[in-house]
N, C-alpha and C. Protein backbone atom coordinates (compact mmCIF):
# COMPACT_ATOMS: atom_id res chain seq x y z
N UNK A 1 76.20 -6.90 74.82
CA UNK A 1 77.46 -6.17 74.75
C UNK A 1 78.22 -6.66 73.51
N UNK A 2 78.75 -5.70 72.75
CA UNK A 2 79.54 -6.03 71.56
C UNK A 2 80.98 -5.56 71.79
N UNK A 3 81.92 -6.43 71.45
CA UNK A 3 83.34 -6.10 71.57
C UNK A 3 83.92 -5.86 70.19
N UNK A 4 84.85 -4.91 70.12
CA UNK A 4 85.51 -4.60 68.86
C UNK A 4 86.89 -4.03 69.13
N UNK A 5 87.70 -4.02 68.11
CA UNK A 5 89.01 -3.39 68.17
C UNK A 5 88.93 -2.08 67.42
N UNK A 6 89.30 -0.99 68.08
CA UNK A 6 89.29 0.32 67.44
C UNK A 6 90.39 0.37 66.39
N UNK A 7 90.07 0.89 65.21
CA UNK A 7 91.05 0.98 64.12
C UNK A 7 91.40 2.43 63.77
N UNK A 8 91.02 3.36 64.63
CA UNK A 8 91.26 4.77 64.35
C UNK A 8 92.74 5.13 64.49
N UNK A 9 93.42 4.56 65.45
CA UNK A 9 94.85 4.86 65.63
C UNK A 9 95.61 3.55 65.84
N UNK A 10 96.93 3.60 65.88
CA UNK A 10 97.71 2.37 66.01
C UNK A 10 97.58 1.65 67.36
N UNK A 11 97.01 2.28 68.37
CA UNK A 11 96.91 1.63 69.68
C UNK A 11 96.03 0.39 69.61
N UNK A 12 94.91 0.45 68.91
CA UNK A 12 94.03 -0.71 68.76
C UNK A 12 93.33 -1.10 70.04
N UNK A 13 92.70 -0.15 70.69
CA UNK A 13 91.99 -0.42 71.95
C UNK A 13 90.91 -1.47 71.76
N UNK A 14 90.75 -2.32 72.76
CA UNK A 14 89.64 -3.28 72.80
C UNK A 14 88.47 -2.56 73.45
N UNK A 15 87.41 -2.36 72.70
CA UNK A 15 86.27 -1.55 73.13
C UNK A 15 85.04 -2.44 73.28
N UNK A 16 84.28 -2.18 74.31
CA UNK A 16 82.99 -2.84 74.51
C UNK A 16 81.89 -1.79 74.47
N UNK A 17 80.79 -2.12 73.80
CA UNK A 17 79.64 -1.22 73.69
C UNK A 17 78.40 -2.00 74.09
N UNK A 18 77.60 -1.41 74.99
CA UNK A 18 76.36 -2.08 75.37
C UNK A 18 75.18 -1.53 74.56
N UNK A 19 73.98 -2.06 74.79
CA UNK A 19 72.82 -1.68 74.01
C UNK A 19 72.42 -0.22 74.21
N UNK A 20 72.88 0.41 75.30
CA UNK A 20 72.58 1.82 75.54
C UNK A 20 73.67 2.74 74.99
N UNK A 21 74.57 2.17 74.20
CA UNK A 21 75.70 2.89 73.58
C UNK A 21 76.69 3.44 74.62
N UNK A 22 76.81 2.74 75.74
CA UNK A 22 77.86 3.06 76.71
C UNK A 22 79.13 2.37 76.23
N UNK A 23 80.22 3.13 76.12
CA UNK A 23 81.47 2.63 75.57
C UNK A 23 82.51 2.55 76.68
N UNK A 24 83.18 1.40 76.77
CA UNK A 24 84.29 1.26 77.73
C UNK A 24 85.48 0.65 77.01
N UNK A 25 86.66 1.00 77.48
CA UNK A 25 87.89 0.45 76.93
C UNK A 25 88.64 1.39 76.00
N UNK A 26 88.00 2.47 75.58
CA UNK A 26 88.68 3.40 74.68
C UNK A 26 89.64 4.29 75.48
N UNK A 27 90.80 4.56 74.90
CA UNK A 27 91.79 5.42 75.57
C UNK A 27 91.69 6.88 75.13
N UNK A 28 90.90 7.13 74.09
CA UNK A 28 90.75 8.52 73.62
C UNK A 28 89.31 8.74 73.16
N UNK A 29 88.90 10.00 73.02
CA UNK A 29 87.53 10.28 72.59
C UNK A 29 87.20 9.75 71.20
N UNK A 30 88.20 9.65 70.33
CA UNK A 30 87.95 9.15 68.97
C UNK A 30 87.46 7.70 69.01
N UNK A 31 87.93 6.93 69.97
CA UNK A 31 87.49 5.54 70.11
C UNK A 31 86.02 5.44 70.42
N UNK A 32 85.51 6.34 71.24
CA UNK A 32 84.09 6.34 71.57
C UNK A 32 83.26 6.65 70.33
N UNK A 33 83.67 7.66 69.57
CA UNK A 33 82.96 8.02 68.33
C UNK A 33 82.99 6.85 67.35
N UNK A 34 84.15 6.22 67.21
CA UNK A 34 84.28 5.07 66.31
C UNK A 34 83.32 3.95 66.72
N UNK A 35 83.29 3.62 68.00
CA UNK A 35 82.46 2.52 68.47
C UNK A 35 80.97 2.79 68.24
N UNK A 36 80.54 4.00 68.53
CA UNK A 36 79.12 4.34 68.33
C UNK A 36 78.77 4.31 66.85
N UNK A 37 79.66 4.82 66.01
CA UNK A 37 79.44 4.78 64.56
C UNK A 37 79.37 3.34 64.05
N UNK A 38 80.24 2.49 64.55
CA UNK A 38 80.22 1.08 64.14
C UNK A 38 78.93 0.40 64.54
N UNK A 39 78.36 0.80 65.63
CA UNK A 39 77.11 0.19 66.10
C UNK A 39 75.89 0.74 65.37
N UNK A 40 75.92 2.01 64.99
CA UNK A 40 74.73 2.64 64.43
C UNK A 40 74.74 2.73 62.90
N UNK A 41 75.88 3.05 62.31
CA UNK A 41 75.98 3.21 60.86
C UNK A 41 77.43 3.00 60.43
N UNK A 42 77.88 1.75 60.34
CA UNK A 42 79.28 1.51 59.99
C UNK A 42 79.60 2.01 58.58
N UNK A 43 80.76 2.63 58.45
CA UNK A 43 81.19 3.15 57.16
C UNK A 43 82.62 2.70 56.88
N UNK A 44 82.98 2.72 55.60
CA UNK A 44 84.34 2.37 55.17
C UNK A 44 84.71 3.22 53.97
N UNK A 45 85.99 3.53 53.85
CA UNK A 45 86.50 4.13 52.63
C UNK A 45 86.75 2.98 51.66
N UNK A 46 86.20 3.08 50.47
CA UNK A 46 86.32 2.03 49.47
C UNK A 46 87.51 2.34 48.56
N UNK A 47 88.42 1.39 48.45
CA UNK A 47 89.54 1.52 47.51
C UNK A 47 89.45 0.37 46.52
N UNK A 48 89.66 0.68 45.25
CA UNK A 48 89.56 -0.34 44.22
C UNK A 48 90.24 0.18 42.96
N UNK A 49 89.89 -0.41 41.82
CA UNK A 49 90.39 0.05 40.53
C UNK A 49 89.22 0.07 39.54
N UNK A 50 89.39 0.88 38.51
CA UNK A 50 88.43 0.92 37.41
C UNK A 50 89.19 0.74 36.10
N UNK A 51 88.49 0.35 35.06
CA UNK A 51 89.12 0.13 33.76
C UNK A 51 89.50 1.46 33.11
N UNK A 52 90.54 1.41 32.28
CA UNK A 52 90.91 2.58 31.48
C UNK A 52 90.99 2.16 30.02
N UNK A 53 91.08 3.14 29.16
CA UNK A 53 91.23 2.89 27.72
C UNK A 53 92.70 2.87 27.31
N UNK A 54 93.61 2.88 28.28
CA UNK A 54 95.04 2.97 28.00
C UNK A 54 95.69 1.59 28.13
N UNK A 55 96.27 1.09 27.06
CA UNK A 55 96.82 -0.26 27.07
C UNK A 55 98.00 -0.41 28.03
N UNK A 56 98.75 0.66 28.25
CA UNK A 56 99.88 0.58 29.18
C UNK A 56 99.48 0.75 30.64
N UNK A 57 98.25 1.14 30.87
CA UNK A 57 97.72 1.29 32.23
C UNK A 57 96.24 0.88 32.20
N UNK A 58 95.98 -0.43 32.17
CA UNK A 58 94.61 -0.90 31.99
C UNK A 58 93.68 -0.67 33.18
N UNK A 59 94.22 -0.46 34.37
CA UNK A 59 93.41 -0.23 35.57
C UNK A 59 93.91 1.03 36.27
N UNK A 60 92.98 1.83 36.77
CA UNK A 60 93.30 3.05 37.50
C UNK A 60 92.86 2.87 38.95
N UNK A 61 93.78 3.04 39.91
CA UNK A 61 93.35 2.94 41.31
C UNK A 61 92.50 4.15 41.70
N UNK A 62 91.44 3.87 42.46
CA UNK A 62 90.50 4.90 42.88
C UNK A 62 90.11 4.65 44.34
N UNK A 63 89.51 5.67 44.94
CA UNK A 63 88.95 5.51 46.28
C UNK A 63 87.79 6.48 46.44
N UNK A 64 86.97 6.24 47.44
CA UNK A 64 85.89 7.17 47.72
C UNK A 64 86.47 8.36 48.47
N UNK A 65 85.90 9.52 48.24
CA UNK A 65 86.41 10.75 48.86
C UNK A 65 86.10 10.82 50.35
N UNK A 66 85.20 9.98 50.81
CA UNK A 66 84.82 9.90 52.22
C UNK A 66 84.30 8.48 52.46
N UNK A 67 84.21 8.09 53.71
CA UNK A 67 83.64 6.76 53.98
C UNK A 67 82.19 6.65 53.51
N UNK A 68 81.85 5.48 53.00
CA UNK A 68 80.49 5.19 52.54
C UNK A 68 79.85 4.18 53.50
N UNK A 69 78.54 4.12 53.53
CA UNK A 69 77.89 3.10 54.36
C UNK A 69 78.36 1.70 53.95
N UNK A 70 78.71 0.91 54.94
CA UNK A 70 79.24 -0.42 54.70
C UNK A 70 78.29 -1.29 53.87
N UNK A 71 77.01 -1.12 54.06
CA UNK A 71 76.02 -1.90 53.33
C UNK A 71 75.95 -1.61 51.84
N UNK A 72 76.55 -0.51 51.40
CA UNK A 72 76.52 -0.15 49.98
C UNK A 72 77.77 -0.59 49.22
N UNK A 73 78.74 -1.15 49.90
CA UNK A 73 80.03 -1.47 49.25
C UNK A 73 79.84 -2.33 48.01
N UNK A 74 79.10 -3.41 48.11
CA UNK A 74 78.98 -4.32 46.96
C UNK A 74 78.16 -3.70 45.83
N UNK A 75 77.18 -2.90 46.15
CA UNK A 75 76.41 -2.21 45.12
C UNK A 75 77.29 -1.20 44.37
N UNK A 76 78.12 -0.47 45.10
CA UNK A 76 79.01 0.51 44.47
C UNK A 76 80.08 -0.20 43.64
N UNK A 77 80.58 -1.33 44.14
CA UNK A 77 81.56 -2.10 43.36
C UNK A 77 80.93 -2.56 42.04
N UNK A 78 79.66 -2.93 42.08
CA UNK A 78 78.98 -3.33 40.84
C UNK A 78 78.87 -2.14 39.89
N UNK A 79 78.55 -0.95 40.42
CA UNK A 79 78.51 0.26 39.60
C UNK A 79 79.87 0.53 38.96
N UNK A 80 80.93 0.23 39.69
CA UNK A 80 82.28 0.52 39.19
C UNK A 80 82.69 -0.37 38.03
N UNK A 81 82.02 -1.52 37.87
CA UNK A 81 82.31 -2.40 36.73
C UNK A 81 82.05 -1.72 35.40
N UNK A 82 81.15 -0.74 35.38
CA UNK A 82 80.76 -0.07 34.14
C UNK A 82 81.60 1.18 33.83
N UNK A 83 82.53 1.52 34.71
CA UNK A 83 83.32 2.74 34.52
C UNK A 83 84.50 2.46 33.60
N UNK A 84 84.69 3.34 32.61
CA UNK A 84 85.84 3.29 31.72
C UNK A 84 86.43 4.68 31.64
N UNK A 85 87.64 4.85 32.15
CA UNK A 85 88.32 6.15 32.11
C UNK A 85 89.01 6.28 30.77
N UNK A 86 88.64 7.32 30.02
CA UNK A 86 89.19 7.51 28.69
C UNK A 86 90.05 8.76 28.58
N UNK A 87 90.13 9.54 29.66
CA UNK A 87 90.90 10.78 29.65
C UNK A 87 92.10 10.68 30.58
N UNK A 88 93.07 11.55 30.34
CA UNK A 88 94.20 11.66 31.25
C UNK A 88 93.71 12.35 32.52
N UNK A 89 94.14 11.85 33.68
CA UNK A 89 93.71 12.40 34.96
C UNK A 89 94.90 12.60 35.87
N UNK A 90 94.67 13.42 36.91
CA UNK A 90 95.67 13.63 37.95
C UNK A 90 95.15 13.04 39.25
N UNK A 91 96.05 12.75 40.16
CA UNK A 91 95.65 12.28 41.48
C UNK A 91 94.66 13.28 42.07
N UNK A 92 93.57 12.76 42.59
CA UNK A 92 92.55 13.61 43.21
C UNK A 92 91.43 14.03 42.28
N UNK A 93 91.59 13.81 40.98
CA UNK A 93 90.51 14.15 40.05
C UNK A 93 89.29 13.26 40.32
N UNK A 94 88.12 13.84 40.16
CA UNK A 94 86.88 13.11 40.36
C UNK A 94 86.62 12.24 39.13
N UNK A 95 86.47 10.96 39.35
CA UNK A 95 86.15 10.02 38.28
C UNK A 95 84.64 9.89 38.15
N UNK A 96 83.95 9.78 39.28
CA UNK A 96 82.48 9.74 39.30
C UNK A 96 82.01 10.63 40.45
N UNK A 97 81.21 11.62 40.12
CA UNK A 97 80.65 12.50 41.14
C UNK A 97 79.39 11.85 41.72
N UNK A 98 79.26 11.91 43.03
CA UNK A 98 78.07 11.42 43.73
C UNK A 98 77.77 9.96 43.39
N UNK A 99 78.76 9.10 43.58
CA UNK A 99 78.58 7.69 43.20
C UNK A 99 77.44 7.06 43.99
N UNK A 100 76.58 6.39 43.28
CA UNK A 100 75.43 5.66 43.83
C UNK A 100 74.55 6.58 44.68
N UNK A 101 74.50 7.84 44.32
CA UNK A 101 73.68 8.87 44.99
C UNK A 101 73.98 8.96 46.49
N UNK A 102 75.28 8.84 46.84
CA UNK A 102 75.69 8.92 48.25
C UNK A 102 76.16 10.32 48.63
N UNK A 103 76.39 11.18 47.62
CA UNK A 103 76.98 12.49 47.90
C UNK A 103 78.49 12.42 48.00
N UNK A 104 79.05 11.25 47.75
CA UNK A 104 80.49 11.01 47.86
C UNK A 104 81.04 10.73 46.47
N UNK A 105 82.21 11.30 46.19
CA UNK A 105 82.82 11.15 44.88
C UNK A 105 83.81 9.99 44.86
N UNK A 106 84.01 9.43 43.67
CA UNK A 106 85.05 8.44 43.44
C UNK A 106 86.21 9.19 42.80
N UNK A 107 87.38 9.14 43.43
CA UNK A 107 88.52 9.93 42.95
C UNK A 107 89.70 9.06 42.57
N UNK A 108 90.52 9.57 41.66
CA UNK A 108 91.73 8.87 41.21
C UNK A 108 92.80 8.95 42.29
N UNK A 109 93.51 7.85 42.49
CA UNK A 109 94.63 7.85 43.43
C UNK A 109 95.96 7.68 42.71
N UNK A 110 95.90 7.81 41.38
CA UNK A 110 97.10 7.80 40.55
C UNK A 110 96.82 8.68 39.35
N UNK A 111 97.85 9.28 38.82
CA UNK A 111 97.70 10.08 37.61
C UNK A 111 97.83 9.20 36.38
N UNK A 112 97.18 9.60 35.31
CA UNK A 112 97.41 9.03 33.99
C UNK A 112 97.95 10.18 33.15
N UNK A 113 99.30 10.31 33.10
CA UNK A 113 99.87 11.42 32.35
C UNK A 113 99.74 11.21 30.84
N UNK A 114 100.07 12.24 30.10
CA UNK A 114 99.92 12.20 28.63
C UNK A 114 100.79 11.15 27.95
N UNK A 115 101.80 10.60 28.65
CA UNK A 115 102.66 9.60 28.03
C UNK A 115 101.92 8.31 27.73
N UNK A 116 100.80 8.06 28.42
CA UNK A 116 100.01 6.86 28.14
C UNK A 116 99.09 7.11 26.96
N UNK A 117 99.08 6.18 26.05
CA UNK A 117 98.27 6.31 24.84
C UNK A 117 97.14 5.34 24.81
């Protein structure tokens, strides 16, 4: 039996999952889905920064457009070391399409308006 705290909503239910994927302790259906996903294929949304060519904004905050497999986080972070944003972008613009061949994009979470040189 594995115990975990659900992070889907602010309630933070204490959930137990057995080897047959029976879930107890969840107060809503989302908790059951979360627990089974955590046991079978845990995923996380990755938030970080990448380098830019703009001296007034040397780092651009980014995130994955969807959760990625937890086991790929460090590999994707290594891929991100090589990214250099040289263009002006808006929030939500794709910085890297299909990062690490996951089918998930890396998107900007801040704009770089034309005022930055």
